[in-house]
């Protein structure tokens, strides 16, 4: 308990000292705070432009207008290319869907063909069994065996 009280008093003393130092720095004349001298330094000064500087400004403005035009033309080209890519993507998607539909039709036709082949084989087998049964009946009836 006594240890906690000692720690609390020491921390309170340190905080007080820091607060006093901060206040002293804030109100000192040598601080880096806002003074009248610093406000006078921030006053805007008149701009003096020479002929060479004026030419450079005009040249820079002309370059800026030229570059803005180039950027706009590039943006237009990019938009056209994006639109072309989108339409090509849709065309590719349609072609892929067409291929998938064709594969589905081929698969369906193949399965139908397999089913018809099985039915045809079963019908042929039934015909041969019937022929064999008729032949057996005739042989037994005529007592050839």
C-alpha atoms as a PDB file:
ATOM      1  CA  UNK A   1       0.000   0.000   0.000  1.00  0.00           C
ATOM      2  CA  UNK A   2       2.813   2.351   0.922  1.00  0.00           C
ATOM      3  CA  UNK A   3       4.602   1.470  -2.336  1.00  0.00           C
ATOM      4  CA  UNK A   4       1.516   2.432  -4.407  1.00  0.00           C
ATOM      5  CA  UNK A   5       1.298   5.791  -2.635  1.00  0.00           C
ATOM      6  CA  UNK A   6       4.990   6.476  -3.300  1.00  0.00           C
ATOM      7  CA  UNK A   7       4.601   5.642  -6.991  1.00  0.00           C
ATOM      8  CA  UNK A   8       1.526   7.861  -7.272  1.00  0.00           C
ATOM      9  CA  UNK A   9       3.222  10.845  -5.682  1.00  0.00           C
ATOM     10  CA  UNK A  10       6.322  10.449  -7.819  1.00  0.00           C
ATOM     11  CA  UNK A  11       4.213  10.234 -11.027  1.00  0.00           C
ATOM     12  CA  UNK A  12       2.135  13.247  -9.977  1.00  0.00           C
ATOM     13  CA  UNK A  13       5.311  15.251  -9.329  1.00  0.00           C
ATOM     14  CA  UNK A  14       6.755  14.282 -12.774  1.00  0.00           C
ATOM     15  CA  UNK A  15       3.530  15.246 -14.538  1.00  0.00           C
ATOM     16  CA  UNK A  16       3.460  18.582 -12.715  1.00  0.00           C
ATOM     17  CA  UNK A  17       7.062  19.356 -13.666  1.00  0.00           C
ATOM     18  CA  UNK A  18       6.373  18.521 -17.317  1.00  0.00           C
ATOM     19  CA  UNK A  19       3.278  20.690 -17.341  1.00  0.00           C
ATOM     20  CA  UNK A  20       5.196  23.636 -15.883  1.00  0.00           C
ATOM     21  CA  UNK A  21       7.975  23.208 -18.465  1.00  0.00           C
ATOM     22  CA  UNK A  22       5.438  23.105 -21.320  1.00  0.00           C
ATOM     23  CA  UNK A  23       3.746  26.270 -20.074  1.00  0.00           C
ATOM     24  CA  UNK A  24       7.102  28.001 -19.691  1.00  0.00           C
ATOM     25  CA  UNK A  25       8.078  27.139 -23.258  1.00  0.00           C
ATOM     26  CA  UNK A  26       4.722  28.306 -24.537  1.00  0.00           C
ATOM     27  CA  UNK A  27       5.003  31.766 -22.995  1.00  0.00           C
ATOM     28  CA  UNK A  28       8.720  32.306 -23.446  1.00  0.00           C
ATOM     29  CA  UNK A  29       9.871  35.004 -25.871  1.00  0.00           C
ATOM     30  CA  UNK A  30      12.346  32.654 -27.476  1.00  0.00           C
ATOM     31  CA  UNK A  31       9.755  29.999 -28.343  1.00  0.00           C
ATOM     32  CA  UNK A  32       9.005  29.054 -31.929  1.00  0.00           C
ATOM     33  CA  UNK A  33       5.351  29.982 -31.575  1.00  0.00           C
ATOM     34  CA  UNK A  34       3.546  32.504 -33.727  1.00  0.00           C
ATOM     35  CA  UNK A  35       4.985  36.018 -33.353  1.00  0.00           C
ATOM     36  CA  UNK A  36       4.485  39.250 -35.252  1.00  0.00           C
ATOM     37  CA  UNK A  37       7.799  38.755 -37.025  1.00  0.00           C
ATOM     38  CA  UNK A  38       6.724  35.389 -38.385  1.00  0.00           C
ATOM     39  CA  UNK A  39       3.410  36.882 -39.540  1.00  0.00           C
ATOM     40  CA  UNK A  40       5.244  39.651 -41.405  1.00  0.00           C
ATOM     41  CA  UNK A  41       7.339  37.041 -43.201  1.00  0.00           C
ATOM     42  CA  UNK A  42       4.163  35.399 -44.486  1.00  0.00           C
ATOM     43  CA  UNK A  43       2.931  38.561 -46.218  1.00  0.00           C
ATOM     44  CA  UNK A  44       2.648  37.985 -49.969  1.00  0.00           C
ATOM     45  CA  UNK A  45       5.312  39.714 -51.984  1.00  0.00           C
ATOM     46  CA  UNK A  46       4.537  41.149 -55.397  1.00  0.00           C
ATOM     47  CA  UNK A  47       5.501  38.960 -58.323  1.00  0.00           C
ATOM     48  CA  UNK A  48       7.997  40.492 -60.699  1.00  0.00           C
ATOM     49  CA  UNK A  49       8.122  38.835 -64.077  1.00  0.00           C
ATOM     50  CA  UNK A  50      10.833  39.405 -66.631  1.00  0.00           C
ATOM     51  CA  UNK A  51      10.390  39.068 -70.361  1.00  0.00           C
ATOM     52  CA  UNK A  52      12.158  35.700 -70.374  1.00  0.00           C
ATOM     53  CA  UNK A  53       9.986  34.555 -67.491  1.00  0.00           C
ATOM     54  CA  UNK A  54       6.831  35.690 -69.299  1.00  0.00           C
ATOM     55  CA  UNK A  55       7.916  33.804 -72.426  1.00  0.00           C
ATOM     56  CA  UNK A  56       8.597  30.730 -70.337  1.00  0.00           C
ATOM     57  CA  UNK A  57       5.146  30.993 -68.717  1.00  0.00           C
ATOM     58  CA  UNK A  58       3.481  31.307 -72.131  1.00  0.00           C
ATOM     59  CA  UNK A  59       5.529  28.384 -73.460  1.00  0.00           C
ATOM     60  CA  UNK A  60       4.573  26.305 -70.422  1.00  0.00           C
ATOM     61  CA  UNK A  61       0.904  27.201 -70.914  1.00  0.00           C
ATOM     62  CA  UNK A  62       1.068  26.216 -74.592  1.00  0.00           C
ATOM     63  CA  UNK A  63       2.768  22.943 -73.608  1.00  0.00           C
ATOM     64  CA  UNK A  64       0.073  22.356 -71.010  1.00  0.00           C
ATOM     65  CA  UNK A  65      -2.706  22.901 -73.565  1.00  0.00           C
ATOM     66  CA  UNK A  66      -0.926  20.561 -76.005  1.00  0.00           C
ATOM     67  CA  UNK A  67      -0.457  17.900 -73.345  1.00  0.00           C
ATOM     68  CA  UNK A  68      -4.102  18.185 -72.223  1.00  0.00           C
ATOM     69  CA  UNK A  69      -5.130  17.616 -75.852  1.00  0.00           C
ATOM     70  CA  UNK A  70      -2.852  14.573 -76.060  1.00  0.00           C
ATOM     71  CA  UNK A  71      -4.208  13.176 -72.813  1.00  0.00           C
ATOM     72  CA  UNK A  72      -7.773  13.644 -74.021  1.00  0.00           C
ATOM     73  CA  UNK A  73      -6.988  11.931 -77.326  1.00  0.00           C
ATOM     74  CA  UNK A  74      -5.301   9.097 -75.423  1.00  0.00           C
ATOM     75  CA  UNK A  75      -8.367   8.827 -73.185  1.00  0.00           C
ATOM     76  CA  UNK A  76     -10.557   8.626 -76.284  1.00  0.00           C
ATOM     77  CA  UNK A  77      -8.327   5.910 -77.750  1.00  0.00           C
ATOM     78  CA  UNK A  78      -8.371   4.011 -74.483  1.00  0.00           C
ATOM     79  CA  UNK A  79     -12.162   4.219 -74.341  1.00  0.00           C
ATOM     80  CA  UNK A  80     -12.408   2.942 -77.926  1.00  0.00           C
ATOM     81  CA  UNK A  81     -10.000   0.113 -77.190  1.00  0.00           C
ATOM     82  CA  UNK A  82     -11.921  -0.777 -74.049  1.00  0.00           C
ATOM     83  CA  UNK A  83     -15.142  -0.841 -76.048  1.00  0.00           C
ATOM     84  CA  UNK A  84     -13.485  -3.011 -78.721  1.00  0.00           C
ATOM     85  CA  UNK A  85     -12.178  -5.391 -76.053  1.00  0.00           C
ATOM     86  CA  UNK A  86     -15.628  -5.584 -74.505  1.00  0.00           C
ATOM     87  CA  UNK A  87     -17.253  -6.382 -77.825  1.00  0.00           C
ATOM     88  CA  UNK A  88     -14.544  -8.969 -78.592  1.00  0.00           C
ATOM     89  CA  UNK A  89     -15.097 -10.511 -75.172  1.00  0.00           C
ATOM     90  CA  UNK A  90     -18.821 -10.746 -75.887  1.00  0.00           C
ATOM     91  CA  UNK A  91     -18.111 -12.299 -79.293  1.00  0.00           C
ATOM     92  CA  UNK A  92     -15.755 -14.832 -77.704  1.00  0.00           C
ATOM     93  CA  UNK A  93     -18.370 -15.594 -75.074  1.00  0.00           C
ATOM     94  CA  UNK A  94     -21.013 -16.150 -77.766  1.00  0.00           C
ATOM     95  CA  UNK A  95     -18.644 -18.397 -79.724  1.00  0.00           C
ATOM     96  CA  UNK A  96     -17.857 -20.394 -76.598  1.00  0.00           C
ATOM     97  CA  UNK A  97     -21.568 -20.737 -75.861  1.00  0.00           C
ATOM     98  CA  UNK A  98     -22.121 -21.876 -79.470  1.00  0.00           C
ATOM     99  CA  UNK A  99     -19.332 -24.445 -79.126  1.00  0.00           C
ATOM    100  CA  UNK A 100     -20.815 -25.657 -75.856  1.00  0.00           C
ATOM    101  CA  UNK A 101     -24.261 -25.971 -77.450  1.00  0.00           C
ATOM    102  CA  UNK A 102     -22.734 -27.872 -80.368  1.00  0.00           C
ATOM    103  CA  UNK A 103     -20.942 -30.205 -77.950  1.00  0.00           C
ATOM    104  CA  UNK A 104     -24.219 -30.739 -76.111  1.00  0.00           C
ATOM    105  CA  UNK A 105     -25.981 -31.532 -79.407  1.00  0.00           C
ATOM    106  CA  UNK A 106     -23.206 -33.945 -80.404  1.00  0.00           C
ATOM    107  CA  UNK A 107     -23.366 -35.623 -77.007  1.00  0.00           C
ATOM    108  CA  UNK A 108     -27.152 -35.891 -77.232  1.00  0.00           C
ATOM    109  CA  UNK A 109     -26.963 -37.273 -80.788  1.00  0.00           C
ATOM    110  CA  UNK A 110     -24.289 -39.772 -79.719  1.00  0.00           C
ATOM    111  CA  UNK A 111     -26.364 -40.995 -76.793  1.00  0.00           C
ATOM    112  CA  UNK A 112     -29.454 -41.292 -79.030  1.00  0.00           C
ATOM    113  CA  UNK A 113     -27.373 -43.194 -81.599  1.00  0.00           C
ATOM    114  CA  UNK A 114     -26.149 -45.568 -78.902  1.00  0.00           C
ATOM    115  CA  UNK A 115     -29.717 -46.128 -77.709  1.00  0.00           C
ATOM    116  CA  UNK A 116     -30.930 -46.824 -81.262  1.00  0.00           C
ATOM    117  CA  UNK A 117     -28.035 -49.263 -81.837  1.00  0.00           C
ATOM    118  CA  UNK A 118     -28.961 -51.159 -78.677  1.00  0.00           C
ATOM    119  CA  UNK A 119     -32.599 -51.335 -79.803  1.00  0.00           C
ATOM    120  CA  UNK A 120     -31.526 -52.509 -83.278  1.00  0.00           C
ATOM    121  CA  UNK A 121     -29.293 -55.234 -81.815  1.00  0.00           C
ATOM    122  CA  UNK A 122     -32.096 -56.346 -79.509  1.00  0.00           C
ATOM    123  CA  UNK A 123     -34.523 -56.474 -82.457  1.00  0.00           C
ATOM    124  CA  UNK A 124     -32.054 -58.493 -84.572  1.00  0.00           C
ATOM    125  CA  UNK A 125     -31.445 -60.873 -81.671  1.00  0.00           C
ATOM    126  CA  UNK A 126     -35.179 -61.283 -81.227  1.00  0.00           C
ATOM    127  CA  UNK A 127     -35.543 -62.001 -84.980  1.00  0.00           C
ATOM    128  CA  UNK A 128     -32.826 -64.664 -84.888  1.00  0.00           C
ATOM    129  CA  UNK A 129     -34.328 -66.241 -81.787  1.00  0.00           C
ATOM    130  CA  UNK A 130     -37.738 -66.315 -83.498  1.00  0.00           C
ATOM    131  CA  UNK A 131     -36.214 -67.880 -86.646  1.00  0.00           C
ATOM    132  CA  UNK A 132     -34.428 -70.465 -84.558  1.00  0.00           C
ATOM    133  CA  UNK A 133     -37.622 -71.275 -82.662  1.00  0.00           C
ATOM    134  CA  UNK A 134     -39.591 -71.637 -85.936  1.00  0.00           C
ATOM    135  CA  UNK A 135     -36.868 -73.846 -87.405  1.00  0.00           C
ATOM    136  CA  UNK A 136     -36.814 -75.993 -84.263  1.00  0.00           C
ATOM    137  CA  UNK A 137     -40.626 -76.256 -84.355  1.00  0.00           C
ATOM    138  CA  UNK A 138     -40.573 -77.338 -88.016  1.00  0.00           C
ATOM    139  CA  UNK A 139     -37.839 -79.899 -87.364  1.00  0.00           C
ATOM    140  CA  UNK A 140     -39.690 -81.333 -84.362  1.00  0.00           C
ATOM    141  CA  UNK A 141     -43.032 -81.279 -86.193  1.00  0.00           C
ATOM    142  CA  UNK A 142     -41.627 -83.098 -89.227  1.00  0.00           C
ATOM    143  CA  UNK A 143     -39.715 -85.442 -86.960  1.00  0.00           C
ATOM    144  CA  UNK A 144     -36.391 -84.783 -88.600  1.00  0.00           C
ATOM    145  CA  UNK A 145     -34.558 -85.193 -85.372  1.00  0.00           C
END
